[in-house]
Amino acid sequence: MEHIAALLLVIGCSNTMADCRELQVPVSVFETADQCVAERPFAMGDVQGQAQRIVAKCLAVDPALEDDYDQIVWNVRADGTLDASLAISNVVMASNAVRPEKDHLSQQ
């Protein structure tokens, strides 16, 4: 099995950044973070026209948890900043923070 070091997440949004969704790209997993960063502008070009605004981020994959990740948790702020991370759904995490209304979860 090949080692995955980074995952490319591409999100398409309305012009106001109010409505966003994940966009599929031809290649989304990479053996190195540098490969992911190098591919990001090309991937964004591949999905041009599928949304008014497109944002993308390379997410680091912890090799020890590579097979355990099963969710991508993401949020696009009004200024276009993409916050995203990989998560494991069977891990219970305690938090007193209020979650933003525009958080999105997707199954991988």
PDB file of N, CA and C in Angstrom:
ATOM      1  N   MET A   1       0.841  -1.177   0.000  1.00  0.00           N
ATOM      2  CA  MET A   1       0.000   0.000   0.000  1.00  0.00           C
ATOM      3  C   MET A   1       0.887   1.241   0.000  1.00  0.00           C
ATOM      4  N   GLU A   2       0.520   2.204  -0.818  1.00  0.00           N
ATOM      5  CA  GLU A   2       1.306   3.432  -0.904  1.00  0.00           C
ATOM      6  C   GLU A   2       0.996   4.342   0.267  1.00  0.00           C
ATOM      7  N   HIS A   3       2.012   5.030   0.744  1.00  0.00           N
ATOM      8  CA  HIS A   3       1.880   5.962   1.861  1.00  0.00           C
ATOM      9  C   HIS A   3       1.287   7.273   1.356  1.00  0.00           C
ATOM     10  N   ILE A   4       0.310   7.803   2.059  1.00  0.00           N
ATOM     11  CA  ILE A   4      -0.306   9.080   1.708  1.00  0.00           C
ATOM     12  C   ILE A   4       0.156  10.118   2.713  1.00  0.00           C
ATOM     13  N   ALA A   5       0.743  11.205   2.221  1.00  0.00           N
ATOM     14  CA  ALA A   5       1.228  12.272   3.098  1.00  0.00           C
ATOM     15  C   ALA A   5       0.314  13.483   3.096  1.00  0.00           C
ATOM     16  N   ALA A   6      -0.493  13.634   2.028  1.00  0.00           N
ATOM     17  CA  ALA A   6      -1.350  14.810   1.941  1.00  0.00           C
ATOM     18  C   ALA A   6      -2.590  14.507   1.115  1.00  0.00           C
ATOM     19  N   LEU A   7      -3.655  15.205   1.456  1.00  0.00           N
ATOM     20  CA  LEU A   7      -4.933  15.094   0.759  1.00  0.00           C
ATOM     21  C   LEU A   7      -5.314  16.485   0.283  1.00  0.00           C
ATOM     22  N   LEU A   8      -5.722  16.608  -0.975  1.00  0.00           N
ATOM     23  CA  LEU A   8      -6.121  17.896  -1.527  1.00  0.00           C
ATOM     24  C   LEU A   8      -7.641  18.028  -1.433  1.00  0.00           C
ATOM     25  N   LEU A   9      -8.089  19.057  -0.729  1.00  0.00           N
ATOM     26  CA  LEU A   9      -9.515  19.352  -0.581  1.00  0.00           C
ATOM     27  C   LEU A   9      -9.822  20.592  -1.407  1.00  0.00           C
ATOM     28  N   VAL A  10     -10.792  20.483  -2.317  1.00  0.00           N
ATOM     29  CA  VAL A  10     -11.194  21.606  -3.156  1.00  0.00           C
ATOM     30  C   VAL A  10     -12.670  21.886  -2.896  1.00  0.00           C
ATOM     31  N   ILE A  11     -12.977  23.139  -2.585  1.00  0.00           N
ATOM     32  CA  ILE A  11     -14.329  23.555  -2.239  1.00  0.00           C
ATOM     33  C   ILE A  11     -14.781  24.641  -3.209  1.00  0.00           C
ATOM     34  N   GLY A  12     -16.000  24.509  -3.714  1.00  0.00           N
ATOM     35  CA  GLY A  12     -16.603  25.528  -4.564  1.00  0.00           C
ATOM     36  C   GLY A  12     -17.719  26.216  -3.804  1.00  0.00           C
ATOM     37  N   CYS A  13     -17.765  27.546  -3.921  1.00  0.00           N
ATOM     38  CA  CYS A  13     -18.744  28.330  -3.173  1.00  0.00           C
ATOM     39  C   CYS A  13     -19.451  29.335  -4.066  1.00  0.00           C
ATOM     40  N   SER A  14     -20.571  29.838  -3.557  1.00  0.00           N
ATOM     41  CA  SER A  14     -21.245  30.954  -4.201  1.00  0.00           C
ATOM     42  C   SER A  14     -20.377  32.192  -4.028  1.00  0.00           C
ATOM     43  N   ASN A  15     -20.700  33.253  -4.715  1.00  0.00           N
ATOM     44  CA  ASN A  15     -19.904  34.476  -4.645  1.00  0.00           C
ATOM     45  C   ASN A  15     -19.853  35.054  -3.232  1.00  0.00           C
ATOM     46  N   THR A  16     -20.911  34.836  -2.448  1.00  0.00           N
ATOM     47  CA  THR A  16     -20.961  35.353  -1.076  1.00  0.00           C
ATOM     48  C   THR A  16     -20.335  34.395  -0.073  1.00  0.00           C
ATOM     49  N   MET A  17     -19.890  33.233  -0.531  1.00  0.00           N
ATOM     50  CA  MET A  17     -19.306  32.181   0.310  1.00  0.00           C
ATOM     51  C   MET A  17     -20.345  31.564   1.255  1.00  0.00           C
ATOM     52  N   ALA A  18     -21.635  31.801   0.999  1.00  0.00           N
ATOM     53  CA  ALA A  18     -22.687  31.278   1.870  1.00  0.00           C
ATOM     54  C   ALA A  18     -23.005  29.809   1.572  1.00  0.00           C
ATOM     55  N   ASP A  19     -22.935  29.413   0.309  1.00  0.00           N
ATOM     56  CA  ASP A  19     -23.247  28.042  -0.089  1.00  0.00           C
ATOM     57  C   ASP A  19     -21.995  27.412  -0.674  1.00  0.00           C
ATOM     58  N   CYS A  20     -21.498  26.361  -0.021  1.00  0.00           N
ATOM     59  CA  CYS A  20     -20.264  25.715  -0.448  1.00  0.00           C
ATOM     60  C   CYS A  20     -20.437  24.204  -0.508  1.00  0.00           C
ATOM     61  N   ARG A  21     -19.633  23.575  -1.373  1.00  0.00           N
ATOM     62  CA  ARG A  21     -19.653  22.110  -1.489  1.00  0.00           C
ATOM     63  C   ARG A  21     -18.293  21.635  -1.962  1.00  0.00           C
ATOM     64  N   GLU A  22     -17.992  20.387  -1.664  1.00  0.00           N
ATOM     65  CA  GLU A  22     -16.739  19.792  -2.123  1.00  0.00           C
ATOM     66  C   GLU A  22     -16.814  19.557  -3.625  1.00  0.00           C
ATOM     67  N   LEU A  23     -15.701  19.786  -4.296  1.00  0.00           N
ATOM     68  CA  LEU A  23     -15.595  19.520  -5.727  1.00  0.00           C
ATOM     69  C   LEU A  23     -14.612  18.376  -5.932  1.00  0.00           C
ATOM     70  N   GLN A  24     -14.965  17.494  -6.849  1.00  0.00           N
ATOM     71  CA  GLN A  24     -14.112  16.345  -7.149  1.00  0.00           C
ATOM     72  C   GLN A  24     -13.018  16.760  -8.124  1.00  0.00           C
ATOM     73  N   VAL A  25     -11.792  16.334  -7.845  1.00  0.00           N
ATOM     74  CA  VAL A  25     -10.654  16.603  -8.727  1.00  0.00           C
ATOM     75  C   VAL A  25     -10.041  15.270  -9.145  1.00  0.00           C
ATOM     76  N   PRO A  26      -9.345  15.244 -10.295  1.00  0.00           N
ATOM     77  CA  PRO A  26      -8.790  13.982 -10.788  1.00  0.00           C
ATOM     78  C   PRO A  26      -7.852  13.284  -9.803  1.00  0.00           C
ATOM     79  N   VAL A  27      -6.992  14.034  -9.119  1.00  0.00           N
ATOM     80  CA  VAL A  27      -6.067  13.448  -8.153  1.00  0.00           C
ATOM     81  C   VAL A  27      -6.214  14.210  -6.844  1.00  0.00           C
ATOM     82  N   SER A  28      -6.470  13.483  -5.758  1.00  0.00           N
ATOM     83  CA  SER A  28      -6.665  14.164  -4.472  1.00  0.00           C
ATOM     84  C   SER A  28      -5.761  13.626  -3.361  1.00  0.00           C
ATOM     85  N   VAL A  29      -5.004  12.567  -3.614  1.00  0.00           N
ATOM     86  CA  VAL A  29      -4.078  12.045  -2.601  1.00  0.00           C
ATOM     87  C   VAL A  29      -2.657  12.062  -3.148  1.00  0.00           C
ATOM     88  N   PHE A  30      -1.697  12.366  -2.264  1.00  0.00           N
ATOM     89  CA  PHE A  30      -0.323  12.555  -2.681  1.00  0.00           C
ATOM     90  C   PHE A  30       0.640  11.909  -1.697  1.00  0.00           C
ATOM     91  N   GLU A  31       1.765  11.449  -2.216  1.00  0.00           N
ATOM     92  CA  GLU A  31       2.795  10.829  -1.378  1.00  0.00           C
ATOM     93  C   GLU A  31       3.609  11.849  -0.606  1.00  0.00           C
ATOM     94  N   THR A  32       3.635  13.100  -1.086  1.00  0.00           N
ATOM     95  CA  THR A  32       4.345  14.157  -0.367  1.00  0.00           C
ATOM     96  C   THR A  32       3.477  15.415  -0.328  1.00  0.00           C
ATOM     97  N   ALA A  33       3.700  16.237   0.687  1.00  0.00           N
ATOM     98  CA  ALA A  33       2.987  17.507   0.789  1.00  0.00           C
ATOM     99  C   ALA A  33       3.368  18.425  -0.366  1.00  0.00           C
ATOM    100  N   ASP A  34       4.632  18.382  -0.785  1.00  0.00           N
ATOM    101  CA  ASP A  34       5.080  19.223  -1.905  1.00  0.00           C
ATOM    102  C   ASP A  34       4.342  18.890  -3.198  1.00  0.00           C
ATOM    103  N   GLN A  35       4.084  17.598  -3.432  1.00  0.00           N
ATOM    104  CA  GLN A  35       3.327  17.202  -4.624  1.00  0.00           C
ATOM    105  C   GLN A  35       1.916  17.781  -4.574  1.00  0.00           C
ATOM    106  N   CYS A  36       1.315  17.763  -3.404  1.00  0.00           N
ATOM    107  CA  CYS A  36      -0.034  18.299  -3.239  1.00  0.00           C
ATOM    108  C   CYS A  36      -0.054  19.801  -3.524  1.00  0.00           C
ATOM    109  N   VAL A  37       0.889  20.518  -2.937  1.00  0.00           N
ATOM    110  CA  VAL A  37       0.964  21.970  -3.131  1.00  0.00           C
ATOM    111  C   VAL A  37       1.192  22.301  -4.611  1.00  0.00           C
ATOM    112  N   ALA A  38       2.040  21.528  -5.281  1.00  0.00           N
ATOM    113  CA  ALA A  38       2.317  21.770  -6.693  1.00  0.00           C
ATOM    114  C   ALA A  38       1.092  21.510  -7.565  1.00  0.00           C
ATOM    115  N   GLU A  39       0.265  20.545  -7.197  1.00  0.00           N
ATOM    116  CA  GLU A  39      -0.918  20.178  -7.984  1.00  0.00           C
ATOM    117  C   GLU A  39      -2.104  21.108  -7.729  1.00  0.00           C
ATOM    118  N   ARG A  40      -2.133  21.764  -6.584  1.00  0.00           N
ATOM    119  CA  ARG A  40      -3.296  22.580  -6.187  1.00  0.00           C
ATOM    120  C   ARG A  40      -3.755  23.564  -7.259  1.00  0.00           C
ATOM    121  N   PRO A  41      -2.892  24.393  -7.860  1.00  0.00           N
ATOM    122  CA  PRO A  41      -3.399  25.338  -8.864  1.00  0.00           C
ATOM    123  C   PRO A  41      -3.979  24.646 -10.103  1.00  0.00           C
ATOM    124  N   PHE A  42      -3.405  23.496 -10.479  1.00  0.00           N
ATOM    125  CA  PHE A  42      -3.922  22.768 -11.629  1.00  0.00           C
ATOM    126  C   PHE A  42      -5.292  22.163 -11.322  1.00  0.00           C
ATOM    127  N   ALA A  43      -5.447  21.644 -10.106  1.00  0.00           N
ATOM    128  CA  ALA A  43      -6.732  21.081  -9.691  1.00  0.00           C
ATOM    129  C   ALA A  43      -7.805  22.163  -9.651  1.00  0.00           C
ATOM    130  N   MET A  44      -7.432  23.339  -9.160  1.00  0.00           N
ATOM    131  CA  MET A  44      -8.391  24.441  -9.126  1.00  0.00           C
ATOM    132  C   MET A  44      -8.786  24.846 -10.549  1.00  0.00           C
ATOM    133  N   GLY A  45      -7.850  24.783 -11.473  1.00  0.00           N
ATOM    134  CA  GLY A  45      -8.157  25.069 -12.871  1.00  0.00           C
ATOM    135  C   GLY A  45      -9.082  24.026 -13.477  1.00  0.00           C
ATOM    136  N   ASP A  46      -8.917  22.760 -13.067  1.00  0.00           N
ATOM    137  CA  ASP A  46      -9.766  21.678 -13.582  1.00  0.00           C
ATOM    138  C   ASP A  46     -11.239  21.870 -13.232  1.00  0.00           C
ATOM    139  N   VAL A  47     -11.518  22.512 -12.097  1.00  0.00           N
ATOM    140  CA  VAL A  47     -12.905  22.672 -11.654  1.00  0.00           C
ATOM    141  C   VAL A  47     -13.430  24.093 -11.884  1.00  0.00           C
ATOM    142  N   GLN A  48     -12.637  24.920 -12.561  1.00  0.00           N
ATOM    143  CA  GLN A  48     -13.052  26.283 -12.875  1.00  0.00           C
ATOM    144  C   GLN A  48     -14.391  26.237 -13.599  1.00  0.00           C
ATOM    145  N   GLY A  49     -15.311  27.087 -13.211  1.00  0.00           N
ATOM    146  CA  GLY A  49     -16.629  27.117 -13.824  1.00  0.00           C
ATOM    147  C   GLY A  49     -17.664  26.294 -13.076  1.00  0.00           C
ATOM    148  N   GLN A  50     -17.237  25.438 -12.141  1.00  0.00           N
ATOM    149  CA  GLN A  50     -18.184  24.649 -11.359  1.00  0.00           C
ATOM    150  C   GLN A  50     -18.732  25.419 -10.162  1.00  0.00           C
ATOM    151  N   ALA A  51     -18.107  26.546  -9.854  1.00  0.00           N
ATOM    152  CA  ALA A  51     -18.554  27.390  -8.743  1.00  0.00           C
ATOM    153  C   ALA A  51     -18.023  28.802  -8.989  1.00  0.00           C
ATOM    154  N   GLN A  52     -18.667  29.782  -8.358  1.00  0.00           N
ATOM    155  CA  GLN A  52     -18.236  31.170  -8.526  1.00  0.00           C
ATOM    156  C   GLN A  52     -16.891  31.433  -7.863  1.00  0.00           C
ATOM    157  N   ARG A  53     -16.677  30.821  -6.705  1.00  0.00           N
ATOM    158  CA  ARG A  53     -15.398  30.969  -5.998  1.00  0.00           C
ATOM    159  C   ARG A  53     -14.899  29.586  -5.619  1.00  0.00           C
ATOM    160  N   ILE A  54     -13.606  29.361  -5.773  1.00  0.00           N
ATOM    161  CA  ILE A  54     -13.021  28.052  -5.478  1.00  0.00           C
ATOM    162  C   ILE A  54     -11.842  28.251  -4.532  1.00  0.00           C
ATOM    163  N   VAL A  55     -11.826  27.444  -3.476  1.00  0.00           N
ATOM    164  CA  VAL A  55     -10.721  27.454  -2.521  1.00  0.00           C
ATOM    165  C   VAL A  55     -10.213  26.023  -2.377  1.00  0.00           C
ATOM    166  N   ALA A  56      -8.939  25.880  -2.054  1.00  0.00           N
ATOM    167  CA  ALA A  56      -8.355  24.542  -1.922  1.00  0.00           C
ATOM    168  C   ALA A  56      -7.283  24.559  -0.849  1.00  0.00           C
ATOM    169  N   LYS A  57      -7.099  23.396  -0.237  1.00  0.00           N
ATOM    170  CA  LYS A  57      -6.101  23.274   0.827  1.00  0.00           C
ATOM    171  C   LYS A  57      -5.553  21.854   0.830  1.00  0.00           C
ATOM    172  N   CYS A  58      -4.243  21.753   1.066  1.00  0.00           N
ATOM    173  CA  CYS A  58      -3.613  20.450   1.248  1.00  0.00           C
ATOM    174  C   CYS A  58      -3.633  20.118   2.734  1.00  0.00           C
ATOM    175  N   LEU A  59      -4.158  18.959   3.064  1.00  0.00           N
ATOM    176  CA  LEU A  59      -4.254  18.518   4.454  1.00  0.00           C
ATOM    177  C   LEU A  59      -3.194  17.455   4.717  1.00  0.00           C
ATOM    178  N   ALA A  60      -2.413  17.664   5.754  1.00  0.00           N
ATOM    179  CA  ALA A  60      -1.381  16.690   6.124  1.00  0.00           C
ATOM    180  C   ALA A  60      -2.029  15.433   6.680  1.00  0.00           C
ATOM    181  N   VAL A  61      -1.497  14.294   6.293  1.00  0.00           N
ATOM    182  CA  VAL A  61      -1.985  13.004   6.763  1.00  0.00           C
ATOM    183  C   VAL A  61      -0.947  12.430   7.718  1.00  0.00           C
ATOM    184  N   ASP A  62      -1.366  12.128   8.939  1.00  0.00           N
ATOM    185  CA  ASP A  62      -0.477  11.496   9.915  1.00  0.00           C
ATOM    186  C   ASP A  62      -0.348  10.019   9.526  1.00  0.00           C
ATOM    187  N   PRO A  63       0.856   9.557   9.183  1.00  0.00           N
ATOM    188  CA  PRO A  63       1.027   8.166   8.746  1.00  0.00           C
ATOM    189  C   PRO A  63       0.510   7.148   9.757  1.00  0.00           C
ATOM    190  N   ALA A  64       0.590   7.454  11.031  1.00  0.00           N
ATOM    191  CA  ALA A  64       0.120   6.521  12.061  1.00  0.00           C
ATOM    192  C   ALA A  64      -1.396   6.388  12.054  1.00  0.00           C
ATOM    193  N   LEU A  65      -2.084   7.389  11.512  1.00  0.00           N
ATOM    194  CA  LEU A  65      -3.550   7.385  11.504  1.00  0.00           C
ATOM    195  C   LEU A  65      -4.132   7.265  10.098  1.00  0.00           C
ATOM    196  N   GLU A  66      -3.285   7.078   9.114  1.00  0.00           N
ATOM    197  CA  GLU A  66      -3.699   7.085   7.706  1.00  0.00           C
ATOM    198  C   GLU A  66      -4.933   6.225   7.435  1.00  0.00           C
ATOM    199  N   ASP A  67      -4.977   5.023   7.989  1.00  0.00           N
ATOM    200  CA  ASP A  67      -6.102   4.121   7.733  1.00  0.00           C
ATOM    201  C   ASP A  67      -7.316   4.409   8.618  1.00  0.00           C
ATOM    202  N   ASP A  68      -7.165   5.279   9.613  1.00  0.00           N
ATOM    203  CA  ASP A  68      -8.248   5.550  10.551  1.00  0.00           C
ATOM    204  C   ASP A  68      -9.087   6.764  10.186  1.00  0.00           C
ATOM    205  N   TYR A  69      -8.538   7.702   9.416  1.00  0.00           N
ATOM    206  CA  TYR A  69      -9.300   8.894   9.030  1.00  0.00           C
ATOM    207  C   TYR A  69     -10.533   8.482   8.246  1.00  0.00           C
ATOM    208  N   ASP A  70     -11.684   9.057   8.593  1.00  0.00           N
ATOM    209  CA  ASP A  70     -12.884   8.756   7.821  1.00  0.00           C
ATOM    210  C   ASP A  70     -13.754   9.988   7.582  1.00  0.00           C
ATOM    211  N   GLN A  71     -13.269  11.158   7.975  1.00  0.00           N
ATOM    212  CA  GLN A  71     -14.026  12.382   7.744  1.00  0.00           C
ATOM    213  C   GLN A  71     -13.086  13.535   7.419  1.00  0.00           C
ATOM    214  N   ILE A  72     -13.610  14.446   6.626  1.00  0.00           N
ATOM    215  CA  ILE A  72     -12.955  15.731   6.425  1.00  0.00           C
ATOM    216  C   ILE A  72     -13.902  16.767   7.017  1.00  0.00           C
ATOM    217  N   VAL A  73     -13.419  17.525   7.980  1.00  0.00           N
ATOM    218  CA  VAL A  73     -14.226  18.566   8.607  1.00  0.00           C
ATOM    219  C   VAL A  73     -13.735  19.894   8.031  1.00  0.00           C
ATOM    220  N   TRP A  74     -14.656  20.676   7.453  1.00  0.00           N
ATOM    221  CA  TRP A  74     -14.227  21.923   6.839  1.00  0.00           C
ATOM    222  C   TRP A  74     -15.238  23.038   7.031  1.00  0.00           C
ATOM    223  N   ASN A  75     -14.729  24.247   6.924  1.00  0.00           N
ATOM    224  CA  ASN A  75     -15.534  25.448   7.049  1.00  0.00           C
ATOM    225  C   ASN A  75     -14.889  26.525   6.183  1.00  0.00           C
ATOM    226  N   VAL A  76     -15.691  27.201   5.377  1.00  0.00           N
ATOM    227  CA  VAL A  76     -15.197  28.323   4.588  1.00  0.00           C
ATOM    228  C   VAL A  76     -15.732  29.598   5.231  1.00  0.00           C
ATOM    229  N   ARG A  77     -14.810  30.460   5.619  1.00  0.00           N
ATOM    230  CA  ARG A  77     -15.188  31.732   6.227  1.00  0.00           C
ATOM    231  C   ARG A  77     -15.646  32.713   5.151  1.00  0.00           C
ATOM    232  N   ALA A  78     -16.328  33.758   5.581  1.00  0.00           N
ATOM    233  CA  ALA A  78     -16.829  34.777   4.654  1.00  0.00           C
ATOM    234  C   ALA A  78     -15.705  35.427   3.854  1.00  0.00           C
ATOM    235  N   ASP A  79     -14.486  35.480   4.415  1.00  0.00           N
ATOM    236  CA  ASP A  79     -13.354  36.088   3.711  1.00  0.00           C
ATOM    237  C   ASP A  79     -12.687  35.119   2.737  1.00  0.00           C
ATOM    238  N   GLY A  80     -13.220  33.895   2.612  1.00  0.00           N
ATOM    239  CA  GLY A  80     -12.676  32.912   1.683  1.00  0.00           C
ATOM    240  C   GLY A  80     -11.627  31.994   2.267  1.00  0.00           C
ATOM    241  N   THR A  81     -11.329  32.136   3.549  1.00  0.00           N
ATOM    242  CA  THR A  81     -10.359  31.264   4.202  1.00  0.00           C
ATOM    243  C   THR A  81     -10.980  29.885   4.421  1.00  0.00           C
ATOM    244  N   LEU A  82     -10.262  28.856   4.026  1.00  0.00           N
ATOM    245  CA  LEU A  82     -10.719  27.480   4.207  1.00  0.00           C
ATOM    246  C   LEU A  82     -10.035  26.873   5.419  1.00  0.00           C
ATOM    247  N   ASP A  83     -10.821  26.533   6.429  1.00  0.00           N
ATOM    248  CA  ASP A  83     -10.321  25.790   7.584  1.00  0.00           C
ATOM    249  C   ASP A  83     -10.744  24.338   7.370  1.00  0.00           C
ATOM    250  N   ALA A  84      -9.799  23.417   7.466  1.00  0.00           N
ATOM    251  CA  ALA A  84     -10.123  22.015   7.229  1.00  0.00           C
ATOM    252  C   ALA A  84      -9.165  21.113   7.979  1.00  0.00           C
ATOM    253  N   SER A  85      -9.665  19.922   8.326  1.00  0.00           N
ATOM    254  CA  SER A  85      -8.820  18.921   8.971  1.00  0.00           C
ATOM    255  C   SER A  85      -9.395  17.541   8.718  1.00  0.00           C
ATOM    256  N   LEU A  86      -8.552  16.542   8.883  1.00  0.00           N
ATOM    257  CA  LEU A  86      -8.988  15.153   8.807  1.00  0.00           C
ATOM    258  C   LEU A  86      -9.394  14.724  10.209  1.00  0.00           C
ATOM    259  N   ALA A  87     -10.405  13.866  10.294  1.00  0.00           N
ATOM    260  CA  ALA A  87     -10.902  13.450  11.601  1.00  0.00           C
ATOM    261  C   ALA A  87     -11.201  11.955  11.602  1.00  0.00           C
ATOM    262  N   ILE A  88     -11.283  11.441  12.805  1.00  0.00           N
ATOM    263  CA  ILE A  88     -11.654  10.050  13.028  1.00  0.00           C
ATOM    264  C   ILE A  88     -12.965  10.078  13.793  1.00  0.00           C
ATOM    265  N   SER A  89     -14.021   9.529  13.212  1.00  0.00           N
ATOM    266  CA  SER A  89     -15.359   9.674  13.792  1.00  0.00           C
ATOM    267  C   SER A  89     -15.562   8.906  15.087  1.00  0.00           C
ATOM    268  N   ASN A  90     -14.808   7.839  15.333  1.00  0.00           N
ATOM    269  CA  ASN A  90     -15.041   7.067  16.548  1.00  0.00           C
ATOM    270  C   ASN A  90     -14.253   7.594  17.742  1.00  0.00           C
ATOM    271  N   VAL A  91     -13.569   8.729  17.570  1.00  0.00           N
ATOM    272  CA  VAL A  91     -12.850   9.343  18.676  1.00  0.00           C
ATOM    273  C   VAL A  91     -13.745  10.417  19.277  1.00  0.00           C
ATOM    274  N   VAL A  92     -14.007  10.300  20.572  1.00  0.00           N
ATOM    275  CA  VAL A  92     -14.853  11.267  21.254  1.00  0.00           C
ATOM    276  C   VAL A  92     -13.970  12.381  21.778  1.00  0.00           C
ATOM    277  N   MET A  93     -14.302  13.603  21.401  1.00  0.00           N
ATOM    278  CA  MET A  93     -13.525  14.753  21.843  1.00  0.00           C
ATOM    279  C   MET A  93     -14.449  15.691  22.609  1.00  0.00           C
ATOM    280  N   ALA A  94     -14.028  16.133  23.776  1.00  0.00           N
ATOM    281  CA  ALA A  94     -14.822  17.057  24.572  1.00  0.00           C
ATOM    282  C   ALA A  94     -14.458  18.477  24.190  1.00  0.00           C
ATOM    283  N   SER A  95     -15.476  19.318  24.089  1.00  0.00           N
ATOM    284  CA  SER A  95     -15.230  20.714  23.760  1.00  0.00           C
ATOM    285  C   SER A  95     -16.364  21.557  24.308  1.00  0.00           C
ATOM    286  N   ASN A  96     -16.018  22.707  24.841  1.00  0.00           N
ATOM    287  CA  ASN A  96     -17.023  23.651  25.300  1.00  0.00           C
ATOM    288  C   ASN A  96     -17.284  24.720  24.257  1.00  0.00           C
ATOM    289  N   ALA A  97     -16.556  24.669  23.152  1.00  0.00           N
ATOM    290  CA  ALA A  97     -16.693  25.687  22.111  1.00  0.00           C
ATOM    291  C   ALA A  97     -17.987  25.489  21.336  1.00  0.00           C
ATOM    292  N   VAL A  98     -18.566  26.578  20.917  1.00  0.00           N
ATOM    293  CA  VAL A  98     -19.745  26.534  20.072  1.00  0.00           C
ATOM    294  C   VAL A  98     -19.265  26.351  18.638  1.00  0.00           C
ATOM    295  N   ARG A  99     -19.864  25.416  17.935  1.00  0.00           N
ATOM    296  CA  ARG A  99     -19.465  25.153  16.551  1.00  0.00           C
ATOM    297  C   ARG A  99     -20.092  26.178  15.622  1.00  0.00           C
ATOM    298  N   PRO A 100     -19.337  26.683  14.657  1.00  0.00           N
ATOM    299  CA  PRO A 100     -19.910  27.622  13.683  1.00  0.00           C
ATOM    300  C   PRO A 100     -21.011  26.973  12.880  1.00  0.00           C
ATOM    301  N   GLU A 101     -21.987  27.759  12.464  1.00  0.00           N
ATOM    302  CA  GLU A 101     -23.134  27.241  11.730  1.00  0.00           C
ATOM    303  C   GLU A 101     -22.754  26.651  10.385  1.00  0.00           C
ATOM    304  N   LYS A 102     -21.700  27.125   9.761  1.00  0.00           N
ATOM    305  CA  LYS A 102     -21.356  26.710   8.411  1.00  0.00           C
ATOM    306  C   LYS A 102     -20.350  25.578   8.362  1.00  0.00           C
ATOM    307  N   ASP A 103     -20.141  24.856   9.464  1.00  0.00           N
ATOM    308  CA  ASP A 103     -19.267  23.688   9.414  1.00  0.00           C
ATOM    309  C   ASP A 103     -19.892  22.634   8.523  1.00  0.00           C
ATOM    310  N   HIS A 104     -19.074  21.939   7.788  1.00  0.00           N
ATOM    311  CA  HIS A 104     -19.542  20.885   6.889  1.00  0.00           C
ATOM    312  C   HIS A 104     -18.753  19.630   7.176  1.00  0.00           C
ATOM    313  N   LEU A 105     -19.426  18.500   7.148  1.00  0.00           N
ATOM    314  CA  LEU A 105     -18.767  17.204   7.322  1.00  0.00           C
ATOM    315  C   LEU A 105     -18.986  16.411   6.049  1.00  0.00           C
ATOM    316  N   SER A 106     -18.000  15.633   5.684  1.00  0.00           N
ATOM    317  CA  SER A 106     -18.184  14.744   4.531  1.00  0.00           C
ATOM    318  C   SER A 106     -17.520  13.420   4.853  1.00  0.00           C
ATOM    319  N   GLN A 107     -18.127  12.378   4.420  1.00  0.00           N
ATOM    320  CA  GLN A 107     -17.554  11.034   4.564  1.00  0.00           C
ATOM    321  C   GLN A 107     -16.563  10.833   3.436  1.00  0.00           C
ATOM    322  N   GLN A 108     -15.472  10.207   3.737  1.00  0.00           N
ATOM    323  CA  GLN A 108     -14.484   9.923   2.714  1.00  0.00           C
ATOM    324  C   GLN A 108     -14.604   8.503   2.278  1.00  0.00           C
TER     325      GLN A 108
END
